[in-house]
Amino acid sequence: MVYKYNFENATEKRQADKDLGHVLMPDPDGQRKHPEHLQEDEMLREIQSEALYGKPERVNELLLTWPEDKQKDLKKMLIDIVASQGRTLSI
């Protein structure tokens, strides 16, 4: 089957239940459909690690590799993560 059901659409979910039996979760095909999410996950792991190791210069360098619209939220998240460990991150 080429088309996969959109499980967020109630009509398609009902049809999938009819065709396939009751399905709570579709097969995880996100890695094939959205490989950019894997890359972003790796980038997030790296920048979090650098923040936790207290390397603000490297964090600022890595922040510039992120889309501009995500940088502000990411910066706040990193500051909060480091603060949760009882330290401060000056970025």
C-alpha atoms as a PDB file:
ATOM      1  CA  MET A   1       0.000   0.000   0.000  1.00  0.00           C
ATOM      2  CA  VAL A   2       1.474   3.373  -1.007  1.00  0.00           C
ATOM      3  CA  TYR A   3      -0.749   5.738   0.979  1.00  0.00           C
ATOM      4  CA  LYS A   4      -0.571   5.601   4.759  1.00  0.00           C
ATOM      5  CA  TYR A   5      -3.456   6.822   6.854  1.00  0.00           C
ATOM      6  CA  ASN A   6      -3.304  10.123   8.659  1.00  0.00           C
ATOM      7  CA  PHE A   7      -4.048   8.986  12.212  1.00  0.00           C
ATOM      8  CA  GLU A   8      -4.637  12.598  13.299  1.00  0.00           C
ATOM      9  CA  ASN A   9      -7.659  12.761  10.989  1.00  0.00           C
ATOM     10  CA  ALA A  10     -10.633  11.098  12.687  1.00  0.00           C
ATOM     11  CA  THR A  11     -12.244   9.971   9.426  1.00  0.00           C
ATOM     12  CA  GLU A  12      -9.037   8.343   8.207  1.00  0.00           C
ATOM     13  CA  LYS A  13      -8.416   6.796  11.649  1.00  0.00           C
ATOM     14  CA  ARG A  14     -11.857   5.165  11.560  1.00  0.00           C
ATOM     15  CA  GLN A  15     -11.183   3.861   8.056  1.00  0.00           C
ATOM     16  CA  ALA A  16      -7.782   2.513   9.126  1.00  0.00           C
ATOM     17  CA  ASP A  17      -9.458   0.740  12.057  1.00  0.00           C
ATOM     18  CA  LYS A  18     -11.931  -0.822   9.612  1.00  0.00           C
ATOM     19  CA  ASP A  19      -9.231  -1.885   7.161  1.00  0.00           C
ATOM     20  CA  LEU A  20      -6.494  -2.912   9.577  1.00  0.00           C
ATOM     21  CA  GLY A  21      -8.262  -3.601  12.846  1.00  0.00           C
ATOM     22  CA  HIS A  22      -7.886  -1.339  15.862  1.00  0.00           C
ATOM     23  CA  VAL A  23      -4.518   0.424  15.645  1.00  0.00           C
ATOM     24  CA  LEU A  24      -3.319   2.687  18.443  1.00  0.00           C
ATOM     25  CA  MET A  25      -0.086   3.801  16.836  1.00  0.00           C
ATOM     26  CA  PRO A  26       1.008   3.765  13.195  1.00  0.00           C
ATOM     27  CA  ASP A  27       4.380   2.332  12.188  1.00  0.00           C
ATOM     28  CA  PRO A  28       7.188   4.795  12.970  1.00  0.00           C
ATOM     29  CA  ASP A  29       8.171   5.917   9.498  1.00  0.00           C
ATOM     30  CA  GLY A  30       9.270   9.411  10.524  1.00  0.00           C
ATOM     31  CA  GLN A  31      12.938   8.699   9.966  1.00  0.00           C
ATOM     32  CA  ARG A  32      12.338   8.045   6.289  1.00  0.00           C
ATOM     33  CA  LYS A  33       9.881  10.892   5.842  1.00  0.00           C
ATOM     34  CA  HIS A  34      11.745  13.534   7.875  1.00  0.00           C
ATOM     35  CA  PRO A  35      15.494  12.859   8.057  1.00  0.00           C
ATOM     36  CA  GLU A  36      16.082  16.498   9.027  1.00  0.00           C
ATOM     37  CA  HIS A  37      14.656  15.667  12.460  1.00  0.00           C
ATOM     38  CA  LEU A  38      17.495  13.218  13.046  1.00  0.00           C
ATOM     39  CA  GLN A  39      20.054  15.858  12.139  1.00  0.00           C
ATOM     40  CA  GLU A  40      18.372  18.405  14.394  1.00  0.00           C
ATOM     41  CA  ASP A  41      18.351  15.872  17.243  1.00  0.00           C
ATOM     42  CA  GLU A  42      22.110  15.362  16.871  1.00  0.00           C
ATOM     43  CA  MET A  43      22.676  19.124  16.789  1.00  0.00           C
ATOM     44  CA  LEU A  44      20.582  19.526  19.941  1.00  0.00           C
ATOM     45  CA  ARG A  45      22.543  16.824  21.763  1.00  0.00           C
ATOM     46  CA  GLU A  46      25.833  18.497  20.869  1.00  0.00           C
ATOM     47  CA  ILE A  47      24.822  22.002  21.940  1.00  0.00           C
ATOM     48  CA  GLN A  48      23.308  20.729  25.210  1.00  0.00           C
ATOM     49  CA  SER A  49      26.499  18.843  25.977  1.00  0.00           C
ATOM     50  CA  GLU A  50      28.651  21.901  25.342  1.00  0.00           C
ATOM     51  CA  ALA A  51      26.357  24.030  27.512  1.00  0.00           C
ATOM     52  CA  LEU A  52      26.498  21.525  30.373  1.00  0.00           C
ATOM     53  CA  TYR A  53      30.302  21.349  30.107  1.00  0.00           C
ATOM     54  CA  GLY A  54      30.399  25.137  30.504  1.00  0.00           C
ATOM     55  CA  LYS A  55      31.691  26.095  27.067  1.00  0.00           C
ATOM     56  CA  PRO A  56      29.815  29.322  26.219  1.00  0.00           C
ATOM     57  CA  GLU A  57      32.041  30.186  23.223  1.00  0.00           C
ATOM     58  CA  ARG A  58      31.263  26.850  21.588  1.00  0.00           C
ATOM     59  CA  VAL A  59      27.559  27.183  22.471  1.00  0.00           C
ATOM     60  CA  ASN A  60      27.431  30.596  20.763  1.00  0.00           C
ATOM     61  CA  GLU A  61      29.202  29.137  17.732  1.00  0.00           C
ATOM     62  CA  LEU A  62      26.718  26.255  17.529  1.00  0.00           C
ATOM     63  CA  LEU A  63      23.735  28.578  18.050  1.00  0.00           C
ATOM     64  CA  LEU A  64      24.626  30.303  14.789  1.00  0.00           C
ATOM     65  CA  THR A  65      24.125  27.014  12.922  1.00  0.00           C
ATOM     66  CA  TRP A  66      20.438  26.950  13.979  1.00  0.00           C
ATOM     67  CA  PRO A  67      17.677  28.789  12.104  1.00  0.00           C
ATOM     68  CA  GLU A  68      17.300  32.326  13.416  1.00  0.00           C
ATOM     69  CA  ASP A  69      13.705  31.771  14.536  1.00  0.00           C
ATOM     70  CA  LYS A  70      14.808  28.929  16.851  1.00  0.00           C
ATOM     71  CA  GLN A  71      17.868  30.577  18.382  1.00  0.00           C
ATOM     72  CA  LYS A  72      16.055  32.626  21.042  1.00  0.00           C
ATOM     73  CA  ASP A  73      14.054  29.644  22.354  1.00  0.00           C
ATOM     74  CA  LEU A  74      17.094  27.396  22.230  1.00  0.00           C
ATOM     75  CA  LYS A  75      19.182  29.920  24.147  1.00  0.00           C
ATOM     76  CA  LYS A  76      16.562  30.124  26.912  1.00  0.00           C
ATOM     77  CA  MET A  77      16.279  26.336  27.044  1.00  0.00           C
ATOM     78  CA  LEU A  78      20.050  25.932  27.393  1.00  0.00           C
ATOM     79  CA  ILE A  79      20.255  28.552  30.148  1.00  0.00           C
ATOM     80  CA  ASP A  80      17.439  26.788  32.020  1.00  0.00           C
ATOM     81  CA  ILE A  81      19.080  23.352  31.625  1.00  0.00           C
ATOM     82  CA  VAL A  82      22.374  24.605  33.033  1.00  0.00           C
ATOM     83  CA  ALA A  83      20.551  26.461  35.819  1.00  0.00           C
ATOM     84  CA  SER A  84      18.818  23.218  36.794  1.00  0.00           C
ATOM     85  CA  GLN A  85      22.308  21.888  37.542  1.00  0.00           C
ATOM     86  CA  GLY A  86      23.040  24.839  39.855  1.00  0.00           C
ATOM     87  CA  ARG A  87      25.258  26.730  37.431  1.00  0.00           C
ATOM     88  CA  THR A  88      24.942  29.664  35.056  1.00  0.00           C
ATOM     89  CA  LEU A  89      25.593  29.862  31.346  1.00  0.00           C
ATOM     90  CA  SER A  90      26.592  33.265  30.023  1.00  0.00           C
ATOM     91  CA  ILE A  91      25.599  33.293  26.379  1.00  0.00           C
END
